[in-house]
Amino acid sequence: MDGARPGLRLRAAAGGPVSFVFAGLVSKSALGNGWNQTVYDHIGLKVKSLEASVRFYRAALGVLGHVLHSQDEASASFGPPGEPGLWLYLVTGSVGPGIHVAFRAPERSAVDRFHKVGLDAGGQEHGSPGVRADYGAHYYAAFLIDPDGNNVEAVCLR
């Protein structure tokens, strides 16, 4: 991804799926004209229990300034006020192997709160808050596994 902002990149574990950093990734135009463009519009996750997933994401993302935008019997959406970007879709059967989604945190203390409230809301430990020097000197993150096996991260790049 030439021109992507430092610290935001595609990552893949050996033999594993590519994971995307969900933080408003902006890259330079392929035309090199200096214009920026948002790479994504929204992300959709399949969930086994909408109730459990809404409880988890309301708590974990609430400390990052995200709100529940909509919810019905089959779906729910979250994102910053006025910008639903994460959609949860209720499915029957298998939801798949899970993905990695990272959310930008405005400060390190928000990463800490994300981790604590996410655990309290049913998330599983997958990496306590701290600097991830292998990603960058200022890459402060925490990781949780959501109720459907997705690797959910909060990251502050300050």
N, C-alpha and C. Protein backbone atom coordinates (compact mmCIF):
# COMPACT_ATOMS: atom_id res chain seq x y z
N MET A 1 0.84 -1.18 0.00
CA MET A 1 0.00 0.00 0.00
C MET A 1 0.88 1.23 0.00
N ASP A 2 1.43 1.58 -1.10
CA ASP A 2 2.27 2.77 -1.20
C ASP A 2 1.49 4.00 -0.79
N GLY A 3 2.12 4.85 0.01
CA GLY A 3 1.51 6.10 0.41
C GLY A 3 0.64 6.00 1.64
N ALA A 4 0.47 4.80 2.20
CA ALA A 4 -0.36 4.67 3.40
C ALA A 4 0.35 5.36 4.56
N ARG A 5 -0.43 5.86 5.51
CA ARG A 5 0.17 6.53 6.65
C ARG A 5 1.02 5.55 7.45
N PRO A 6 2.13 6.02 8.03
CA PRO A 6 3.00 5.14 8.82
C PRO A 6 2.21 4.49 9.95
N GLY A 7 2.51 3.22 10.20
CA GLY A 7 1.89 2.49 11.30
C GLY A 7 0.59 1.80 10.91
N LEU A 8 0.02 2.14 9.77
CA LEU A 8 -1.21 1.52 9.33
C LEU A 8 -0.89 0.68 8.11
N ARG A 9 -1.14 -0.62 8.23
CA ARG A 9 -0.75 -1.48 7.13
C ARG A 9 -1.54 -2.78 7.17
N LEU A 10 -1.44 -3.51 6.10
CA LEU A 10 -1.99 -4.86 6.07
C LEU A 10 -0.98 -5.77 6.74
N ARG A 11 -1.48 -6.71 7.53
CA ARG A 11 -0.59 -7.66 8.19
C ARG A 11 -1.14 -9.06 7.95
N ALA A 12 -0.29 -10.01 7.82
CA ALA A 12 -0.72 -11.40 7.68
C ALA A 12 0.22 -12.28 8.46
N ALA A 13 -0.34 -13.17 9.26
CA ALA A 13 0.46 -14.16 9.95
C ALA A 13 0.84 -15.24 8.93
N ALA A 14 1.89 -15.95 9.21
CA ALA A 14 2.31 -17.01 8.29
C ALA A 14 1.16 -17.97 8.06
N GLY A 15 0.71 -18.06 6.83
CA GLY A 15 -0.37 -18.96 6.47
C GLY A 15 -1.74 -18.49 6.93
N GLY A 16 -1.82 -17.30 7.56
CA GLY A 16 -3.08 -16.82 8.09
C GLY A 16 -3.73 -15.78 7.22
N PRO A 17 -4.92 -15.35 7.60
CA PRO A 17 -5.62 -14.34 6.80
C PRO A 17 -5.00 -12.95 6.98
N VAL A 18 -5.19 -12.11 6.00
CA VAL A 18 -4.74 -10.73 6.09
C VAL A 18 -5.67 -10.00 7.06
N SER A 19 -5.12 -9.15 7.89
CA SER A 19 -5.94 -8.37 8.80
C SER A 19 -5.86 -6.91 8.42
N PHE A 20 -6.96 -6.20 8.54
CA PHE A 20 -7.03 -4.80 8.14
C PHE A 20 -7.13 -3.91 9.37
N VAL A 21 -6.42 -2.80 9.38
CA VAL A 21 -6.53 -1.83 10.45
C VAL A 21 -7.71 -0.93 10.13
N PHE A 22 -8.72 -0.94 10.98
CA PHE A 22 -9.95 -0.18 10.78
C PHE A 22 -9.81 1.13 11.53
N ALA A 23 -9.18 2.09 10.89
CA ALA A 23 -8.93 3.35 11.57
C ALA A 23 -8.97 4.50 10.58
N GLY A 24 -9.86 4.42 9.61
CA GLY A 24 -9.93 5.47 8.63
C GLY A 24 -8.69 5.52 7.76
N LEU A 25 -8.20 4.36 7.37
CA LEU A 25 -6.99 4.28 6.57
C LEU A 25 -7.11 5.18 5.35
N VAL A 26 -6.19 6.07 5.22
CA VAL A 26 -6.17 7.02 4.10
C VAL A 26 -4.86 6.83 3.37
N SER A 27 -4.91 6.76 2.07
CA SER A 27 -3.69 6.60 1.29
C SER A 27 -3.64 7.64 0.18
N LYS A 28 -2.45 7.85 -0.36
CA LYS A 28 -2.29 8.79 -1.47
C LYS A 28 -2.93 8.19 -2.71
N SER A 29 -3.45 9.03 -3.52
CA SER A 29 -4.05 8.60 -4.78
C SER A 29 -3.02 7.92 -5.66
N ALA A 30 -3.44 6.89 -6.37
CA ALA A 30 -2.55 6.21 -7.30
C ALA A 30 -2.06 7.16 -8.38
N LEU A 31 -2.79 8.23 -8.59
CA LEU A 31 -2.39 9.21 -9.60
C LEU A 31 -1.31 10.15 -9.11
N GLY A 32 -1.02 10.11 -7.80
CA GLY A 32 0.01 10.94 -7.25
C GLY A 32 -0.34 12.42 -7.23
N ASN A 33 -1.63 12.76 -7.26
CA ASN A 33 -2.02 14.16 -7.30
C ASN A 33 -2.18 14.79 -5.92
N GLY A 34 -1.82 14.04 -4.87
CA GLY A 34 -1.88 14.59 -3.53
C GLY A 34 -3.23 14.45 -2.85
N TRP A 35 -4.26 14.05 -3.57
CA TRP A 35 -5.58 13.87 -2.97
C TRP A 35 -5.56 12.62 -2.11
N ASN A 36 -6.25 12.67 -0.99
CA ASN A 36 -6.40 11.50 -0.14
C ASN A 36 -7.75 10.86 -0.39
N GLN A 37 -7.81 9.56 -0.18
CA GLN A 37 -9.10 8.90 -0.33
C GLN A 37 -9.24 7.87 0.77
N THR A 38 -10.43 7.73 1.31
CA THR A 38 -10.70 6.71 2.30
C THR A 38 -10.79 5.37 1.59
N VAL A 39 -10.14 4.38 2.16
CA VAL A 39 -10.06 3.08 1.52
C VAL A 39 -11.29 2.22 1.79
N TYR A 40 -11.97 2.45 2.88
CA TYR A 40 -13.14 1.63 3.22
C TYR A 40 -14.35 2.51 3.44
N ASP A 41 -15.52 1.87 3.40
CA ASP A 41 -16.76 2.54 3.77
C ASP A 41 -17.32 1.91 5.05
N HIS A 42 -17.36 0.58 5.10
CA HIS A 42 -17.83 -0.10 6.29
C HIS A 42 -17.30 -1.53 6.31
N ILE A 43 -17.42 -2.16 7.47
CA ILE A 43 -17.02 -3.56 7.66
C ILE A 43 -18.22 -4.29 8.23
N GLY A 44 -18.48 -5.49 7.75
CA GLY A 44 -19.57 -6.32 8.25
C GLY A 44 -19.03 -7.59 8.87
N LEU A 45 -19.53 -7.91 10.05
CA LEU A 45 -19.17 -9.16 10.73
C LEU A 45 -20.40 -10.02 10.91
N LYS A 46 -20.26 -11.30 10.67
CA LYS A 46 -21.33 -12.25 10.95
C LYS A 46 -21.22 -12.66 12.41
N VAL A 47 -22.36 -12.67 13.11
CA VAL A 47 -22.36 -13.00 14.54
C VAL A 47 -23.39 -14.08 14.84
N LYS A 48 -23.09 -14.89 15.86
CA LYS A 48 -24.01 -15.95 16.28
C LYS A 48 -25.08 -15.43 17.24
N SER A 49 -24.71 -14.46 18.06
CA SER A 49 -25.64 -13.88 19.03
C SER A 49 -25.56 -12.37 18.91
N LEU A 50 -26.58 -11.77 18.35
CA LEU A 50 -26.59 -10.32 18.21
C LEU A 50 -26.58 -9.65 19.58
N GLU A 51 -27.32 -10.22 20.52
CA GLU A 51 -27.38 -9.65 21.87
C GLU A 51 -25.99 -9.61 22.52
N ALA A 52 -25.25 -10.73 22.48
CA ALA A 52 -23.92 -10.79 23.08
C ALA A 52 -22.95 -9.85 22.35
N SER A 53 -23.04 -9.80 21.03
CA SER A 53 -22.13 -8.94 20.26
C SER A 53 -22.42 -7.47 20.48
N VAL A 54 -23.69 -7.09 20.54
CA VAL A 54 -24.04 -5.69 20.81
C VAL A 54 -23.56 -5.29 22.20
N ARG A 55 -23.72 -6.17 23.18
CA ARG A 55 -23.25 -5.87 24.54
C ARG A 55 -21.73 -5.65 24.53
N PHE A 56 -20.99 -6.54 23.85
CA PHE A 56 -19.54 -6.44 23.79
C PHE A 56 -19.11 -5.15 23.07
N TYR A 57 -19.61 -4.91 21.87
CA TYR A 57 -19.17 -3.76 21.08
C TYR A 57 -19.66 -2.44 21.68
N ARG A 58 -20.82 -2.42 22.29
CA ARG A 58 -21.29 -1.18 22.95
C ARG A 58 -20.31 -0.78 24.04
N ALA A 59 -19.85 -1.74 24.82
CA ALA A 59 -18.90 -1.45 25.90
C ALA A 59 -17.51 -1.12 25.35
N ALA A 60 -16.97 -2.02 24.53
CA ALA A 60 -15.59 -1.87 24.07
C ALA A 60 -15.40 -0.65 23.18
N LEU A 61 -16.35 -0.38 22.30
CA LEU A 61 -16.21 0.76 21.39
C LEU A 61 -16.73 2.06 21.98
N GLY A 62 -17.59 1.96 22.98
CA GLY A 62 -18.12 3.16 23.62
C GLY A 62 -17.01 4.03 24.20
N VAL A 63 -15.98 3.40 24.77
CA VAL A 63 -14.88 4.16 25.35
C VAL A 63 -14.02 4.81 24.27
N LEU A 64 -14.21 4.39 23.01
CA LEU A 64 -13.47 5.00 21.89
C LEU A 64 -14.32 6.05 21.17
N GLY A 65 -15.50 6.35 21.73
CA GLY A 65 -16.36 7.37 21.14
C GLY A 65 -17.35 6.85 20.11
N HIS A 66 -17.43 5.53 19.95
CA HIS A 66 -18.37 4.94 18.99
C HIS A 66 -19.72 4.73 19.67
N VAL A 67 -20.78 4.80 18.89
CA VAL A 67 -22.13 4.63 19.42
C VAL A 67 -22.88 3.57 18.61
N LEU A 68 -23.92 3.04 19.21
CA LEU A 68 -24.83 2.14 18.50
C LEU A 68 -25.74 3.01 17.65
N HIS A 69 -25.68 2.82 16.33
CA HIS A 69 -26.48 3.63 15.41
C HIS A 69 -27.84 3.03 15.15
N SER A 70 -27.88 1.72 14.96
CA SER A 70 -29.15 1.07 14.65
C SER A 70 -29.10 -0.37 15.13
N GLN A 71 -30.27 -0.91 15.39
CA GLN A 71 -30.37 -2.32 15.75
C GLN A 71 -31.77 -2.80 15.46
N ASP A 72 -31.86 -3.97 14.84
CA ASP A 72 -33.13 -4.65 14.67
C ASP A 72 -32.90 -6.12 15.01
N GLU A 73 -33.82 -6.97 14.68
CA GLU A 73 -33.68 -8.39 15.06
C GLU A 73 -32.58 -9.11 14.29
N ALA A 74 -32.08 -8.55 13.21
CA ALA A 74 -31.09 -9.25 12.38
C ALA A 74 -29.76 -8.52 12.23
N SER A 75 -29.65 -7.27 12.70
CA SER A 75 -28.41 -6.53 12.49
C SER A 75 -28.28 -5.38 13.49
N ALA A 76 -27.06 -4.85 13.57
CA ALA A 76 -26.78 -3.66 14.38
C ALA A 76 -25.59 -2.95 13.74
N SER A 77 -25.49 -1.64 13.97
CA SER A 77 -24.36 -0.89 13.44
C SER A 77 -23.76 0.02 14.50
N PHE A 78 -22.43 0.18 14.44
CA PHE A 78 -21.67 1.02 15.35
C PHE A 78 -20.74 1.92 14.56
N GLY A 79 -20.31 3.00 15.19
CA GLY A 79 -19.31 3.88 14.61
C GLY A 79 -19.29 5.19 15.35
N PRO A 80 -18.41 6.10 14.94
CA PRO A 80 -18.43 7.44 15.51
C PRO A 80 -19.80 8.07 15.24
N PRO A 81 -20.22 9.06 16.04
CA PRO A 81 -21.52 9.68 15.80
C PRO A 81 -21.69 10.10 14.34
N GLY A 82 -22.80 9.65 13.74
CA GLY A 82 -23.11 9.99 12.37
C GLY A 82 -22.38 9.17 11.32
N GLU A 83 -21.56 8.20 11.72
CA GLU A 83 -20.75 7.42 10.78
C GLU A 83 -20.77 5.93 11.09
N PRO A 84 -21.89 5.25 10.85
CA PRO A 84 -21.89 3.80 11.11
C PRO A 84 -20.90 3.10 10.18
N GLY A 85 -19.93 2.42 10.74
CA GLY A 85 -18.90 1.78 9.94
C GLY A 85 -18.73 0.30 10.21
N LEU A 86 -19.24 -0.16 11.35
CA LEU A 86 -19.16 -1.57 11.70
C LEU A 86 -20.57 -2.11 11.77
N TRP A 87 -20.85 -3.11 10.94
CA TRP A 87 -22.18 -3.73 10.91
C TRP A 87 -22.08 -5.16 11.40
N LEU A 88 -22.99 -5.55 12.27
CA LEU A 88 -23.09 -6.91 12.78
C LEU A 88 -24.32 -7.55 12.17
N TYR A 89 -24.15 -8.75 11.60
CA TYR A 89 -25.25 -9.45 10.95
C TYR A 89 -25.47 -10.80 11.60
N LEU A 90 -26.66 -11.04 12.10
CA LEU A 90 -27.00 -12.31 12.74
C LEU A 90 -27.08 -13.40 11.68
N VAL A 91 -26.39 -14.52 11.94
CA VAL A 91 -26.43 -15.66 11.04
C VAL A 91 -26.70 -16.93 11.85
N THR A 92 -27.25 -17.92 11.18
CA THR A 92 -27.38 -19.23 11.81
C THR A 92 -26.27 -20.10 11.23
N GLY A 93 -25.76 -20.99 12.04
CA GLY A 93 -24.66 -21.83 11.58
C GLY A 93 -23.32 -21.18 11.88
N SER A 94 -22.30 -21.59 11.15
CA SER A 94 -20.93 -21.13 11.37
C SER A 94 -20.76 -19.68 10.92
N VAL A 95 -19.96 -18.93 11.67
CA VAL A 95 -19.65 -17.55 11.29
C VAL A 95 -18.29 -17.44 10.62
N GLY A 96 -17.56 -18.51 10.51
CA GLY A 96 -16.26 -18.48 9.85
C GLY A 96 -15.12 -18.43 10.84
N PRO A 97 -13.89 -18.31 10.32
CA PRO A 97 -12.71 -18.39 11.18
C PRO A 97 -12.38 -17.12 11.95
N GLY A 98 -13.09 -16.04 11.73
CA GLY A 98 -12.80 -14.79 12.41
C GLY A 98 -11.83 -13.92 11.64
N ILE A 99 -11.85 -12.63 11.93
CA ILE A 99 -10.96 -11.67 11.28
C ILE A 99 -10.33 -10.79 12.34
N HIS A 100 -9.44 -9.92 11.92
CA HIS A 100 -8.83 -8.94 12.82
C HIS A 100 -9.30 -7.55 12.41
N VAL A 101 -9.85 -6.81 13.38
CA VAL A 101 -10.29 -5.44 13.16
C VAL A 101 -9.65 -4.57 14.23
N ALA A 102 -9.02 -3.47 13.83
CA ALA A 102 -8.39 -2.54 14.77
C ALA A 102 -9.10 -1.20 14.71
N PHE A 103 -9.38 -0.64 15.88
CA PHE A 103 -10.06 0.65 15.99
C PHE A 103 -9.09 1.66 16.58
N ARG A 104 -9.05 2.86 16.01
CA ARG A 104 -8.19 3.92 16.49
C ARG A 104 -8.70 4.45 17.83
N ALA A 105 -7.79 4.60 18.77
CA ALA A 105 -8.09 5.19 20.07
C ALA A 105 -7.43 6.57 20.12
N PRO A 106 -8.11 7.57 20.71
CA PRO A 106 -7.54 8.92 20.73
C PRO A 106 -6.36 9.08 21.69
N GLU A 107 -6.27 8.20 22.67
CA GLU A 107 -5.19 8.27 23.66
C GLU A 107 -4.98 6.89 24.28
N ARG A 108 -3.84 6.70 24.90
CA ARG A 108 -3.51 5.39 25.47
C ARG A 108 -4.48 4.97 26.56
N SER A 109 -4.98 5.91 27.34
CA SER A 109 -5.93 5.54 28.39
C SER A 109 -7.22 4.97 27.81
N ALA A 110 -7.59 5.37 26.60
CA ALA A 110 -8.77 4.80 25.94
C ALA A 110 -8.51 3.34 25.57
N VAL A 111 -7.28 3.01 25.17
CA VAL A 111 -6.92 1.62 24.90
C VAL A 111 -7.08 0.80 26.18
N ASP A 112 -6.61 1.35 27.29
CA ASP A 112 -6.73 0.66 28.58
C ASP A 112 -8.20 0.42 28.94
N ARG A 113 -9.04 1.45 28.75
CA ARG A 113 -10.47 1.32 29.07
C ARG A 113 -11.15 0.31 28.13
N PHE A 114 -10.82 0.36 26.83
CA PHE A 114 -11.33 -0.61 25.86
C PHE A 114 -11.08 -2.03 26.36
N HIS A 115 -9.86 -2.30 26.79
CA HIS A 115 -9.49 -3.63 27.25
C HIS A 115 -10.29 -4.04 28.47
N LYS A 116 -10.38 -3.15 29.46
CA LYS A 116 -11.09 -3.48 30.69
C LYS A 116 -12.58 -3.71 30.44
N VAL A 117 -13.24 -2.77 29.79
CA VAL A 117 -14.69 -2.92 29.60
C VAL A 117 -15.00 -4.04 28.62
N GLY A 118 -14.13 -4.28 27.66
CA GLY A 118 -14.33 -5.39 26.74
C GLY A 118 -14.28 -6.73 27.44
N LEU A 119 -13.34 -6.89 28.37
CA LEU A 119 -13.30 -8.11 29.18
C LEU A 119 -14.55 -8.25 30.03
N ASP A 120 -14.96 -7.14 30.65
CA ASP A 120 -16.17 -7.16 31.49
C ASP A 120 -17.43 -7.49 30.69
N ALA A 121 -17.42 -7.18 29.39
CA ALA A 121 -18.60 -7.39 28.54
C ALA A 121 -18.55 -8.72 27.78
N GLY A 122 -17.64 -9.61 28.16
CA GLY A 122 -17.62 -10.93 27.56
C GLY A 122 -16.50 -11.22 26.59
N GLY A 123 -15.60 -10.25 26.37
CA GLY A 123 -14.46 -10.50 25.50
C GLY A 123 -13.44 -11.38 26.21
N GLN A 124 -12.60 -12.03 25.44
CA GLN A 124 -11.53 -12.87 25.99
C GLN A 124 -10.19 -12.19 25.77
N GLU A 125 -9.31 -12.34 26.74
CA GLU A 125 -7.96 -11.77 26.69
C GLU A 125 -7.22 -12.27 25.46
N HIS A 126 -6.58 -11.33 24.74
CA HIS A 126 -5.77 -11.72 23.59
C HIS A 126 -4.52 -10.83 23.46
N GLY A 127 -4.28 -10.00 24.44
CA GLY A 127 -3.10 -9.13 24.45
C GLY A 127 -3.38 -7.90 25.28
N SER A 128 -2.79 -7.83 26.47
CA SER A 128 -3.06 -6.70 27.36
C SER A 128 -2.48 -5.42 26.80
N PRO A 129 -2.95 -4.26 27.30
CA PRO A 129 -2.48 -2.98 26.78
C PRO A 129 -0.97 -2.82 26.93
N GLY A 130 -0.35 -2.28 25.90
CA GLY A 130 1.08 -2.02 25.95
C GLY A 130 1.63 -1.63 24.60
N VAL A 131 2.87 -1.19 24.60
CA VAL A 131 3.56 -0.82 23.36
C VAL A 131 3.91 -2.10 22.62
N ARG A 132 3.65 -2.10 21.33
CA ARG A 132 4.02 -3.22 20.45
C ARG A 132 5.19 -2.72 19.59
N ALA A 133 6.40 -2.83 20.14
CA ALA A 133 7.59 -2.27 19.49
C ALA A 133 7.83 -2.85 18.11
N ASP A 134 7.38 -4.08 17.87
CA ASP A 134 7.58 -4.67 16.55
C ASP A 134 6.71 -4.01 15.50
N TYR A 135 5.65 -3.28 15.91
CA TYR A 135 4.80 -2.53 14.98
C TYR A 135 5.26 -1.08 14.86
N GLY A 136 5.91 -0.56 15.90
CA GLY A 136 6.38 0.82 15.90
C GLY A 136 6.60 1.31 17.32
N ALA A 137 7.46 2.28 17.48
CA ALA A 137 7.83 2.79 18.81
C ALA A 137 6.64 3.38 19.57
N HIS A 138 5.63 3.86 18.86
CA HIS A 138 4.48 4.50 19.49
C HIS A 138 3.19 3.71 19.31
N TYR A 139 3.30 2.45 18.92
CA TYR A 139 2.12 1.61 18.65
C TYR A 139 1.67 0.99 19.96
N TYR A 140 0.67 1.63 20.60
CA TYR A 140 0.14 1.19 21.89
C TYR A 140 -1.21 0.54 21.63
N ALA A 141 -1.35 -0.73 21.99
CA ALA A 141 -2.56 -1.47 21.61
C ALA A 141 -2.95 -2.49 22.67
N ALA A 142 -4.20 -2.93 22.56
CA ALA A 142 -4.72 -4.05 23.35
C ALA A 142 -5.60 -4.88 22.43
N PHE A 143 -5.66 -6.18 22.69
CA PHE A 143 -6.38 -7.11 21.84
C PHE A 143 -7.36 -7.94 22.65
N LEU A 144 -8.54 -8.15 22.09
CA LEU A 144 -9.57 -9.00 22.68
C LEU A 144 -10.13 -9.93 21.61
N ILE A 145 -10.66 -11.05 22.04
CA ILE A 145 -11.43 -11.92 21.15
C ILE A 145 -12.90 -11.65 21.46
N ASP A 146 -13.67 -11.27 20.45
CA ASP A 146 -15.10 -10.97 20.67
C ASP A 146 -15.90 -12.27 20.80
N PRO A 147 -17.21 -12.19 21.09
CA PRO A 147 -18.00 -13.40 21.30
C PRO A 147 -18.02 -14.37 20.11
N ASP A 148 -17.62 -13.92 18.92
CA ASP A 148 -17.63 -14.79 17.74
C ASP A 148 -16.24 -15.18 17.26
N GLY A 149 -15.22 -14.90 18.05
CA GLY A 149 -13.87 -15.33 17.70
C GLY A 149 -13.07 -14.35 16.88
N ASN A 150 -13.57 -13.13 16.70
CA ASN A 150 -12.82 -12.10 15.98
C ASN A 150 -11.78 -11.46 16.88
N ASN A 151 -10.62 -11.15 16.33
CA ASN A 151 -9.54 -10.49 17.04
C ASN A 151 -9.78 -8.99 16.92
N VAL A 152 -10.17 -8.34 18.01
CA VAL A 152 -10.52 -6.93 18.01
C VAL A 152 -9.46 -6.16 18.78
N GLU A 153 -8.97 -5.09 18.16
CA GLU A 153 -7.87 -4.31 18.71
C GLU A 153 -8.26 -2.86 18.85
N ALA A 154 -7.74 -2.21 19.90
CA ALA A 154 -7.76 -0.75 20.01
C ALA A 154 -6.30 -0.32 19.95
N VAL A 155 -6.01 0.71 19.14
CA VAL A 155 -4.64 1.15 18.96
C VAL A 155 -4.55 2.68 19.02
N CYS A 156 -3.53 3.14 19.72
CA CYS A 156 -3.20 4.57 19.77
C CYS A 156 -1.78 4.69 19.22
N LEU A 157 -1.60 5.59 18.26
CA LEU A 157 -0.30 5.74 17.61
C LEU A 157 0.50 6.91 18.17
N ARG A 158 0.17 7.34 19.38
CA ARG A 158 0.91 8.44 20.04
C ARG A 158 1.74 7.90 21.17
